[in-house]
Amino acid sequence: MLGISKTNVGDHCPPILLTLWDTNVFSNFLFILTILLLSSLYQLNNSNKLEMMHKTISALTNTTLDQIGNDKELLKIVRKLMEECQLVGEKIGVKFKVSIDDRIKGATSVIGHKPSTTQDLNAGKPLEIDPIIGSIIEIGNKLKIETPTLKKINSRLKLKAENMGLYQRSKLIDEITN
């Protein structure tokens, strides 16, 4: 399927994902895409998913990064989202070289910037919600890792985008990300 095999991703894939491959959990397309995305994250030894948490909060609240940094409640949510993402990432072998605190400081030091997700929302462009949050929730679910904040924000962002006509729900994706 799709020319994807254990052989051609093995060098770029954390060991736990190769173990999951052997258990035939690759039964749906989204999970394969998720594994490829997380494998890329692992290969680059970079944790861009953590930075994406600022994007989701910005899109929900239509705020700039520095405004998020000046709002204690939004910062708590961003931190919790990052902690949940990091927990899932570490479980599959991703090494995080930069602390959550440093990531938050870096992002919130950018004055007046609205991330691309917020810009897309404001421009009426469809949002890519499932690859940003849904993929992490799905991996967490498969590994029995609780991600309540990710699920809550995922649901709210989908509802907002759906109400604006910028997101179309998929029954399958809703099932695997709940």
N, C-alpha and C. Protein backbone atom coordinates (compact mmCIF):
# COMPACT_ATOMS: atom_id res chain seq x y z
N MET A 1 0.84 -1.18 0.00
CA MET A 1 0.00 0.00 0.00
C MET A 1 0.88 1.24 0.00
N LEU A 2 0.68 2.13 -0.99
CA LEU A 2 1.39 3.40 -1.12
C LEU A 2 2.91 3.23 -1.24
N GLY A 3 3.42 2.05 -1.45
CA GLY A 3 4.86 1.84 -1.55
C GLY A 3 5.58 2.04 -0.23
N ILE A 4 4.85 2.00 0.86
CA ILE A 4 5.43 2.21 2.18
C ILE A 4 5.68 0.84 2.80
N SER A 5 6.89 0.62 3.22
CA SER A 5 7.19 -0.65 3.86
C SER A 5 8.08 -0.42 5.06
N LYS A 6 8.13 -1.41 5.90
CA LYS A 6 9.00 -1.34 7.08
C LYS A 6 10.45 -1.12 6.65
N THR A 7 10.84 -1.70 5.54
CA THR A 7 12.21 -1.59 5.05
C THR A 7 12.57 -0.15 4.70
N ASN A 8 11.67 0.55 3.98
CA ASN A 8 12.05 1.89 3.54
C ASN A 8 11.81 2.99 4.57
N VAL A 9 11.24 2.69 5.72
CA VAL A 9 11.16 3.68 6.79
C VAL A 9 12.00 3.30 8.00
N GLY A 10 12.51 2.09 8.03
CA GLY A 10 13.19 1.56 9.20
C GLY A 10 14.33 2.39 9.74
N ASP A 11 15.15 2.97 8.85
CA ASP A 11 16.29 3.78 9.30
C ASP A 11 15.88 5.12 9.87
N HIS A 12 14.65 5.53 9.61
CA HIS A 12 14.19 6.85 10.00
C HIS A 12 13.07 6.78 11.03
N CYS A 13 12.91 5.66 11.64
CA CYS A 13 11.74 5.40 12.46
C CYS A 13 12.16 4.94 13.86
N PRO A 14 11.58 5.50 14.91
CA PRO A 14 11.91 5.03 16.25
C PRO A 14 11.50 3.57 16.44
N PRO A 15 12.22 2.85 17.27
CA PRO A 15 11.97 1.41 17.44
C PRO A 15 10.53 1.05 17.79
N ILE A 16 9.86 1.86 18.62
CA ILE A 16 8.49 1.49 19.00
C ILE A 16 7.57 1.50 17.79
N LEU A 17 7.82 2.39 16.81
CA LEU A 17 6.98 2.41 15.62
C LEU A 17 7.19 1.17 14.78
N LEU A 18 8.44 0.69 14.73
CA LEU A 18 8.70 -0.55 14.01
C LEU A 18 8.00 -1.72 14.69
N THR A 19 7.93 -1.68 16.01
CA THR A 19 7.21 -2.72 16.75
C THR A 19 5.72 -2.65 16.43
N LEU A 20 5.16 -1.44 16.40
CA LEU A 20 3.75 -1.29 16.04
C LEU A 20 3.50 -1.80 14.63
N TRP A 21 4.47 -1.56 13.74
CA TRP A 21 4.34 -2.03 12.36
C TRP A 21 4.12 -3.55 12.35
N ASP A 22 4.89 -4.24 13.16
CA ASP A 22 4.81 -5.70 13.22
C ASP A 22 3.50 -6.21 13.80
N THR A 23 2.76 -5.36 14.52
CA THR A 23 1.51 -5.82 15.13
C THR A 23 0.29 -5.55 14.25
N ASN A 24 0.52 -5.09 13.03
CA ASN A 24 -0.56 -4.84 12.07
C ASN A 24 -1.55 -3.77 12.52
N VAL A 25 -1.10 -2.76 13.26
CA VAL A 25 -2.01 -1.68 13.60
C VAL A 25 -2.13 -0.68 12.47
N PHE A 26 -1.39 -0.92 11.39
CA PHE A 26 -1.44 -0.02 10.25
C PHE A 26 -2.65 -0.31 9.37
N SER A 27 -3.80 -0.31 9.96
CA SER A 27 -4.99 -0.70 9.23
C SER A 27 -5.70 0.47 8.57
N ASN A 28 -5.30 1.70 8.87
CA ASN A 28 -5.98 2.81 8.22
C ASN A 28 -4.98 3.85 7.71
N PHE A 29 -5.40 4.53 6.71
CA PHE A 29 -4.56 5.49 6.00
C PHE A 29 -4.02 6.59 6.90
N LEU A 30 -4.87 7.16 7.75
CA LEU A 30 -4.43 8.26 8.61
C LEU A 30 -3.30 7.81 9.53
N PHE A 31 -3.38 6.58 10.03
CA PHE A 31 -2.33 6.12 10.93
C PHE A 31 -1.00 6.01 10.19
N ILE A 32 -1.03 5.57 8.94
CA ILE A 32 0.21 5.50 8.15
C ILE A 32 0.78 6.90 7.98
N LEU A 33 -0.08 7.84 7.64
CA LEU A 33 0.41 9.22 7.49
C LEU A 33 0.97 9.76 8.80
N THR A 34 0.32 9.41 9.90
CA THR A 34 0.79 9.83 11.21
C THR A 34 2.17 9.26 11.50
N ILE A 35 2.34 7.98 11.22
CA ILE A 35 3.63 7.35 11.46
C ILE A 35 4.71 8.01 10.62
N LEU A 36 4.40 8.31 9.37
CA LEU A 36 5.39 8.98 8.52
C LEU A 36 5.72 10.36 9.06
N LEU A 37 4.70 11.08 9.51
CA LEU A 37 4.93 12.40 10.08
C LEU A 37 5.78 12.31 11.33
N LEU A 38 5.44 11.41 12.22
CA LEU A 38 6.21 11.27 13.45
C LEU A 38 7.60 10.70 13.19
N SER A 39 7.73 9.86 12.17
CA SER A 39 9.04 9.36 11.80
C SER A 39 9.93 10.50 11.32
N SER A 40 9.35 11.41 10.54
CA SER A 40 10.10 12.57 10.08
C SER A 40 10.52 13.42 11.27
N LEU A 41 9.61 13.60 12.21
CA LEU A 41 9.90 14.36 13.42
C LEU A 41 11.06 13.70 14.17
N TYR A 42 11.02 12.39 14.27
CA TYR A 42 12.07 11.64 14.95
C TYR A 42 13.39 11.77 14.21
N GLN A 43 13.35 11.60 12.90
CA GLN A 43 14.56 11.65 12.09
C GLN A 43 15.24 13.00 12.23
N LEU A 44 14.47 14.06 12.20
CA LEU A 44 15.04 15.41 12.30
C LEU A 44 15.44 15.76 13.72
N ASN A 45 15.03 14.92 14.67
CA ASN A 45 15.24 15.17 16.09
C ASN A 45 14.76 16.57 16.45
N ASN A 46 13.61 16.90 15.92
CA ASN A 46 13.03 18.21 16.10
C ASN A 46 11.60 18.00 16.56
N SER A 47 11.09 18.88 17.35
CA SER A 47 9.75 18.69 17.90
C SER A 47 8.82 19.82 17.47
N ASN A 48 8.63 19.97 16.17
CA ASN A 48 7.76 21.01 15.63
C ASN A 48 6.33 20.90 16.12
N LYS A 49 5.90 19.70 16.49
CA LYS A 49 4.53 19.55 16.99
C LYS A 49 4.32 20.42 18.23
N LEU A 50 5.35 20.58 19.03
CA LEU A 50 5.18 21.43 20.21
C LEU A 50 4.90 22.87 19.81
N GLU A 51 5.64 23.36 18.80
CA GLU A 51 5.40 24.73 18.36
C GLU A 51 4.00 24.90 17.77
N MET A 52 3.46 23.84 17.20
CA MET A 52 2.13 23.92 16.60
C MET A 52 1.04 24.18 17.63
N MET A 53 1.33 23.92 18.89
CA MET A 53 0.32 24.15 19.91
C MET A 53 0.00 25.64 20.06
N HIS A 54 1.00 26.50 19.85
CA HIS A 54 0.73 27.94 19.84
C HIS A 54 -0.21 28.29 18.70
N LYS A 55 -0.02 27.64 17.56
CA LYS A 55 -0.85 27.91 16.38
C LYS A 55 -2.31 27.59 16.66
N THR A 56 -2.57 26.47 17.32
CA THR A 56 -3.96 26.10 17.57
C THR A 56 -4.64 27.07 18.52
N ILE A 57 -3.93 27.48 19.55
CA ILE A 57 -4.52 28.43 20.51
C ILE A 57 -4.72 29.79 19.84
N SER A 58 -3.77 30.20 19.03
CA SER A 58 -3.91 31.45 18.30
C SER A 58 -5.14 31.41 17.39
N ALA A 59 -5.32 30.29 16.69
CA ALA A 59 -6.47 30.15 15.79
C ALA A 59 -7.79 30.17 16.57
N LEU A 60 -7.81 29.53 17.72
CA LEU A 60 -9.04 29.52 18.52
C LEU A 60 -9.39 30.90 19.06
N THR A 61 -8.38 31.65 19.42
CA THR A 61 -8.61 32.93 20.11
C THR A 61 -8.34 34.16 19.24
N ASN A 62 -7.82 33.94 18.03
CA ASN A 62 -7.46 35.02 17.11
C ASN A 62 -6.47 36.00 17.76
N THR A 63 -5.49 35.45 18.45
CA THR A 63 -4.50 36.26 19.15
C THR A 63 -3.12 36.08 18.53
N THR A 64 -2.25 37.05 18.80
CA THR A 64 -0.86 36.96 18.37
C THR A 64 -0.08 36.13 19.40
N LEU A 65 1.11 35.73 19.01
CA LEU A 65 1.94 34.92 19.91
C LEU A 65 2.25 35.68 21.21
N ASP A 66 2.58 36.96 21.10
CA ASP A 66 2.89 37.71 22.32
C ASP A 66 1.65 37.92 23.19
N GLN A 67 0.47 38.01 22.58
CA GLN A 67 -0.75 38.10 23.37
C GLN A 67 -0.98 36.81 24.15
N ILE A 68 -0.69 35.69 23.52
CA ILE A 68 -0.77 34.41 24.24
C ILE A 68 0.19 34.44 25.42
N GLY A 69 1.39 34.96 25.19
CA GLY A 69 2.40 35.03 26.24
C GLY A 69 2.01 35.91 27.41
N ASN A 70 1.12 36.85 27.17
CA ASN A 70 0.68 37.76 28.23
C ASN A 70 -0.61 37.32 28.90
N ASP A 71 -1.12 36.17 28.55
CA ASP A 71 -2.37 35.66 29.10
C ASP A 71 -2.08 34.37 29.88
N LYS A 72 -2.15 34.45 31.19
CA LYS A 72 -1.79 33.30 32.03
C LYS A 72 -2.63 32.06 31.74
N GLU A 73 -3.90 32.24 31.46
CA GLU A 73 -4.78 31.10 31.19
C GLU A 73 -4.41 30.43 29.86
N LEU A 74 -4.16 31.25 28.83
CA LEU A 74 -3.76 30.67 27.55
C LEU A 74 -2.41 29.98 27.65
N LEU A 75 -1.50 30.56 28.42
CA LEU A 75 -0.19 29.93 28.61
C LEU A 75 -0.31 28.58 29.31
N LYS A 76 -1.22 28.48 30.26
CA LYS A 76 -1.45 27.20 30.93
C LYS A 76 -1.90 26.14 29.94
N ILE A 77 -2.80 26.54 29.04
CA ILE A 77 -3.31 25.60 28.05
C ILE A 77 -2.20 25.19 27.09
N VAL A 78 -1.42 26.17 26.60
CA VAL A 78 -0.31 25.87 25.69
C VAL A 78 0.66 24.91 26.36
N ARG A 79 1.01 25.18 27.61
CA ARG A 79 1.94 24.31 28.34
C ARG A 79 1.37 22.88 28.45
N LYS A 80 0.10 22.77 28.78
CA LYS A 80 -0.51 21.44 28.92
C LYS A 80 -0.53 20.71 27.58
N LEU A 81 -0.86 21.42 26.51
CA LEU A 81 -0.82 20.82 25.17
C LEU A 81 0.57 20.31 24.84
N MET A 82 1.57 21.13 25.13
CA MET A 82 2.95 20.74 24.85
C MET A 82 3.37 19.55 25.69
N GLU A 83 2.96 19.53 26.95
CA GLU A 83 3.31 18.40 27.82
C GLU A 83 2.70 17.10 27.29
N GLU A 84 1.45 17.17 26.83
CA GLU A 84 0.81 15.98 26.30
C GLU A 84 1.49 15.53 25.01
N CYS A 85 1.84 16.48 24.14
CA CYS A 85 2.56 16.14 22.90
C CYS A 85 3.91 15.52 23.22
N GLN A 86 4.61 16.11 24.16
CA GLN A 86 5.93 15.60 24.52
C GLN A 86 5.83 14.20 25.10
N LEU A 87 4.82 13.96 25.92
CA LEU A 87 4.63 12.64 26.50
C LEU A 87 4.44 11.58 25.41
N VAL A 88 3.61 11.90 24.42
CA VAL A 88 3.39 10.97 23.31
C VAL A 88 4.69 10.79 22.52
N GLY A 89 5.36 11.90 22.22
CA GLY A 89 6.61 11.83 21.47
C GLY A 89 7.67 11.00 22.16
N GLU A 90 7.83 11.22 23.47
CA GLU A 90 8.85 10.46 24.22
C GLU A 90 8.52 8.97 24.24
N LYS A 91 7.24 8.65 24.28
CA LYS A 91 6.83 7.25 24.31
C LYS A 91 7.24 6.51 23.02
N ILE A 92 7.33 7.25 21.91
CA ILE A 92 7.75 6.62 20.66
C ILE A 92 9.22 6.87 20.36
N GLY A 93 9.94 7.47 21.30
CA GLY A 93 11.38 7.60 21.15
C GLY A 93 11.90 8.94 20.70
N VAL A 94 11.04 9.95 20.59
CA VAL A 94 11.51 11.28 20.20
C VAL A 94 12.26 11.90 21.37
N LYS A 95 13.41 12.46 21.09
CA LYS A 95 14.22 13.16 22.09
C LYS A 95 14.01 14.66 21.92
N PHE A 96 13.61 15.31 22.99
CA PHE A 96 13.34 16.74 22.94
C PHE A 96 14.54 17.49 23.52
N LYS A 97 15.22 18.24 22.66
CA LYS A 97 16.44 18.93 23.08
C LYS A 97 16.15 20.30 23.70
N VAL A 98 15.01 20.87 23.39
CA VAL A 98 14.66 22.20 23.89
C VAL A 98 13.50 22.04 24.86
N SER A 99 13.62 22.67 26.01
CA SER A 99 12.57 22.54 27.04
C SER A 99 11.29 23.25 26.61
N ILE A 100 10.20 22.83 27.20
CA ILE A 100 8.91 23.47 26.94
C ILE A 100 8.98 24.94 27.33
N ASP A 101 9.60 25.26 28.46
CA ASP A 101 9.73 26.66 28.87
C ASP A 101 10.44 27.50 27.81
N ASP A 102 11.54 26.96 27.27
CA ASP A 102 12.29 27.71 26.25
C ASP A 102 11.48 27.85 24.97
N ARG A 103 10.70 26.84 24.62
CA ARG A 103 9.85 26.93 23.42
C ARG A 103 8.78 28.00 23.61
N ILE A 104 8.19 28.02 24.78
CA ILE A 104 7.16 29.03 25.06
C ILE A 104 7.78 30.43 25.03
N LYS A 105 8.91 30.60 25.68
CA LYS A 105 9.59 31.91 25.67
C LYS A 105 9.91 32.36 24.26
N GLY A 106 10.42 31.42 23.45
CA GLY A 106 10.77 31.76 22.07
C GLY A 106 9.57 32.19 21.26
N ALA A 107 8.50 31.43 21.34
CA ALA A 107 7.31 31.74 20.54
C ALA A 107 6.65 33.03 21.00
N THR A 108 6.52 33.21 22.30
CA THR A 108 5.79 34.38 22.80
C THR A 108 6.62 35.66 22.75
N SER A 109 7.89 35.54 22.40
CA SER A 109 8.73 36.74 22.25
C SER A 109 8.54 37.40 20.89
N VAL A 110 7.84 36.73 19.99
CA VAL A 110 7.59 37.28 18.65
C VAL A 110 6.39 38.22 18.76
N ILE A 111 6.65 39.50 18.56
CA ILE A 111 5.63 40.53 18.77
C ILE A 111 4.75 40.69 17.52
N GLY A 112 3.44 40.66 17.76
CA GLY A 112 2.47 40.98 16.71
C GLY A 112 2.25 39.91 15.65
N HIS A 113 2.79 38.73 15.82
CA HIS A 113 2.67 37.69 14.79
C HIS A 113 1.50 36.75 15.06
N LYS A 114 0.69 36.57 14.04
CA LYS A 114 -0.36 35.55 14.07
C LYS A 114 0.13 34.40 13.20
N PRO A 115 0.21 33.19 13.77
CA PRO A 115 0.70 32.04 13.02
C PRO A 115 -0.15 31.74 11.78
N SER A 116 0.40 30.94 10.89
CA SER A 116 -0.25 30.63 9.61
C SER A 116 -1.65 30.04 9.80
N THR A 117 -1.84 29.25 10.82
CA THR A 117 -3.16 28.66 11.05
C THR A 117 -4.20 29.76 11.30
N THR A 118 -3.83 30.77 12.07
CA THR A 118 -4.73 31.89 12.34
C THR A 118 -4.93 32.73 11.08
N GLN A 119 -3.86 32.93 10.33
CA GLN A 119 -3.97 33.68 9.08
C GLN A 119 -4.89 32.95 8.10
N ASP A 120 -4.75 31.63 8.02
CA ASP A 120 -5.63 30.84 7.15
C ASP A 120 -7.09 30.97 7.59
N LEU A 121 -7.32 30.88 8.88
CA LEU A 121 -8.68 31.01 9.41
C LEU A 121 -9.27 32.37 9.05
N ASN A 122 -8.49 33.42 9.26
CA ASN A 122 -8.96 34.78 8.96
C ASN A 122 -9.16 35.02 7.46
N ALA A 123 -8.42 34.28 6.63
CA ALA A 123 -8.54 34.41 5.18
C ALA A 123 -9.61 33.48 4.60
N GLY A 124 -10.24 32.69 5.47
CA GLY A 124 -11.28 31.78 5.02
C GLY A 124 -10.75 30.55 4.31
N LYS A 125 -9.51 30.18 4.61
CA LYS A 125 -8.91 28.98 3.99
C LYS A 125 -9.16 27.77 4.89
N PRO A 126 -9.33 26.59 4.28
CA PRO A 126 -9.53 25.38 5.09
C PRO A 126 -8.35 25.12 6.02
N LEU A 127 -8.65 24.59 7.20
CA LEU A 127 -7.62 24.31 8.19
C LEU A 127 -7.21 22.85 8.15
N GLU A 128 -5.93 22.61 8.40
CA GLU A 128 -5.40 21.24 8.48
C GLU A 128 -5.33 20.84 9.95
N ILE A 129 -6.47 20.59 10.53
CA ILE A 129 -6.57 20.31 11.96
C ILE A 129 -6.09 18.89 12.29
N ASP A 130 -6.50 17.94 11.49
CA ASP A 130 -6.19 16.54 11.82
C ASP A 130 -4.70 16.24 11.84
N PRO A 131 -3.92 16.72 10.87
CA PRO A 131 -2.48 16.45 10.97
C PRO A 131 -1.81 17.18 12.14
N ILE A 132 -2.35 18.32 12.53
CA ILE A 132 -1.71 19.10 13.59
C ILE A 132 -1.97 18.47 14.96
N ILE A 133 -3.21 18.20 15.28
CA ILE A 133 -3.54 17.68 16.61
C ILE A 133 -4.01 16.24 16.57
N GLY A 134 -4.84 15.92 15.60
CA GLY A 134 -5.44 14.60 15.54
C GLY A 134 -4.43 13.47 15.48
N SER A 135 -3.33 13.70 14.78
CA SER A 135 -2.33 12.64 14.66
C SER A 135 -1.71 12.30 16.01
N ILE A 136 -1.47 13.31 16.83
CA ILE A 136 -0.89 13.07 18.15
C ILE A 136 -1.91 12.36 19.05
N ILE A 137 -3.17 12.78 18.97
CA ILE A 137 -4.22 12.13 19.76
C ILE A 137 -4.33 10.66 19.36
N GLU A 138 -4.30 10.38 18.06
CA GLU A 138 -4.43 9.00 17.60
C GLU A 138 -3.30 8.12 18.12
N ILE A 139 -2.07 8.61 18.03
CA ILE A 139 -0.94 7.84 18.55
C ILE A 139 -1.11 7.64 20.06
N GLY A 140 -1.48 8.71 20.76
CA GLY A 140 -1.72 8.60 22.21
C GLY A 140 -2.76 7.55 22.52
N ASN A 141 -3.86 7.54 21.77
CA ASN A 141 -4.91 6.54 21.98
C ASN A 141 -4.37 5.13 21.79
N LYS A 142 -3.62 4.93 20.73
CA LYS A 142 -3.09 3.59 20.44
C LYS A 142 -2.10 3.13 21.50
N LEU A 143 -1.42 4.09 22.12
CA LEU A 143 -0.44 3.75 23.16
C LEU A 143 -1.01 3.88 24.57
N LYS A 144 -2.32 4.13 24.66
CA LYS A 144 -3.02 4.26 25.96
C LYS A 144 -2.47 5.43 26.79
N ILE A 145 -2.16 6.53 26.10
CA ILE A 145 -1.69 7.75 26.77
C ILE A 145 -2.84 8.75 26.77
N GLU A 146 -3.19 9.25 27.93
CA GLU A 146 -4.27 10.22 28.06
C GLU A 146 -3.84 11.57 27.49
N THR A 147 -4.69 12.16 26.64
CA THR A 147 -4.42 13.48 26.06
C THR A 147 -5.69 14.34 26.15
N PRO A 148 -6.18 14.59 27.35
CA PRO A 148 -7.46 15.30 27.48
C PRO A 148 -7.44 16.74 26.97
N THR A 149 -6.34 17.44 27.15
CA THR A 149 -6.28 18.82 26.69
C THR A 149 -6.22 18.87 25.17
N LEU A 150 -5.42 18.00 24.57
CA LEU A 150 -5.37 17.93 23.12
C LEU A 150 -6.75 17.62 22.54
N LYS A 151 -7.46 16.69 23.16
CA LYS A 151 -8.79 16.32 22.68
C LYS A 151 -9.77 17.49 22.80
N LYS A 152 -9.70 18.20 23.89
CA LYS A 152 -10.60 19.34 24.12
C LYS A 152 -10.35 20.45 23.10
N ILE A 153 -9.07 20.79 22.89
CA ILE A 153 -8.73 21.86 21.96
C ILE A 153 -9.01 21.41 20.53
N ASN A 154 -8.73 20.15 20.21
CA ASN A 154 -9.03 19.60 18.90
C ASN A 154 -10.52 19.75 18.59
N SER A 155 -11.35 19.39 19.55
CA SER A 155 -12.80 19.47 19.38
C SER A 155 -13.25 20.92 19.17
N ARG A 156 -12.71 21.83 19.97
CA ARG A 156 -13.10 23.25 19.86
C ARG A 156 -12.66 23.86 18.53
N LEU A 157 -11.44 23.53 18.11
CA LEU A 157 -10.93 24.08 16.85
C LEU A 157 -11.73 23.52 15.67
N LYS A 158 -12.05 22.23 15.70
CA LYS A 158 -12.86 21.64 14.64
C LYS A 158 -14.23 22.31 14.57
N LEU A 159 -14.85 22.51 15.73
CA LEU A 159 -16.17 23.14 15.76
C LEU A 159 -16.12 24.55 15.19
N LYS A 160 -15.11 25.32 15.59
CA LYS A 160 -14.98 26.69 15.08
C LYS A 160 -14.80 26.69 13.57
N ALA A 161 -13.88 25.86 13.08
CA ALA A 161 -13.62 25.80 11.65
C ALA A 161 -14.83 25.26 10.88
N GLU A 162 -15.49 24.29 11.45
CA GLU A 162 -16.68 23.71 10.83
C GLU A 162 -17.79 24.77 10.70
N ASN A 163 -18.00 25.54 11.76
CA ASN A 163 -19.01 26.59 11.74
C ASN A 163 -18.70 27.68 10.73
N MET A 164 -17.42 27.84 10.42
CA MET A 164 -16.99 28.84 9.43
C MET A 164 -16.93 28.24 8.02
N GLY A 165 -17.24 26.94 7.90
CA GLY A 165 -17.19 26.28 6.60
C GLY A 165 -15.77 25.94 6.15
N LEU A 166 -14.84 25.85 7.11
CA LEU A 166 -13.42 25.64 6.78
C LEU A 166 -12.91 24.26 7.19
N TYR A 167 -13.81 23.40 7.60
CA TYR A 167 -13.42 22.06 8.00
C TYR A 167 -14.59 21.13 7.75
N GLN A 168 -14.31 19.98 7.19
CA GLN A 168 -15.34 18.97 6.97
C GLN A 168 -14.99 17.74 7.80
N ARG A 169 -15.89 17.38 8.68
CA ARG A 169 -15.64 16.23 9.56
C ARG A 169 -15.58 14.92 8.80
N SER A 170 -14.76 14.05 9.34
CA SER A 170 -14.67 12.67 8.85
C SER A 170 -15.07 11.78 10.02
N LYS A 171 -16.02 10.92 9.78
CA LYS A 171 -16.49 10.01 10.83
C LYS A 171 -15.34 9.16 11.35
N LEU A 172 -14.51 8.65 10.44
CA LEU A 172 -13.39 7.80 10.82
C LEU A 172 -12.40 8.57 11.70
N ILE A 173 -12.05 9.78 11.29
CA ILE A 173 -11.10 10.56 12.07
C ILE A 173 -11.68 10.91 13.43
N ASP A 174 -12.96 11.26 13.47
CA ASP A 174 -13.59 11.54 14.77
C ASP A 174 -13.54 10.32 15.69
N GLU A 175 -13.75 9.14 15.12
CA GLU A 175 -13.71 7.91 15.93
C GLU A 175 -12.32 7.65 16.50
N ILE A 176 -11.28 7.85 15.71
CA ILE A 176 -9.94 7.51 16.17
C ILE A 176 -9.27 8.61 16.99
N THR A 177 -9.91 9.77 17.06
CA THR A 177 -9.34 10.86 17.85
C THR A 177 -10.18 11.22 19.07
N ASN A 178 -11.15 10.39 19.39
CA ASN A 178 -11.97 10.64 20.59
C ASN A 178 -11.48 9.79 21.74
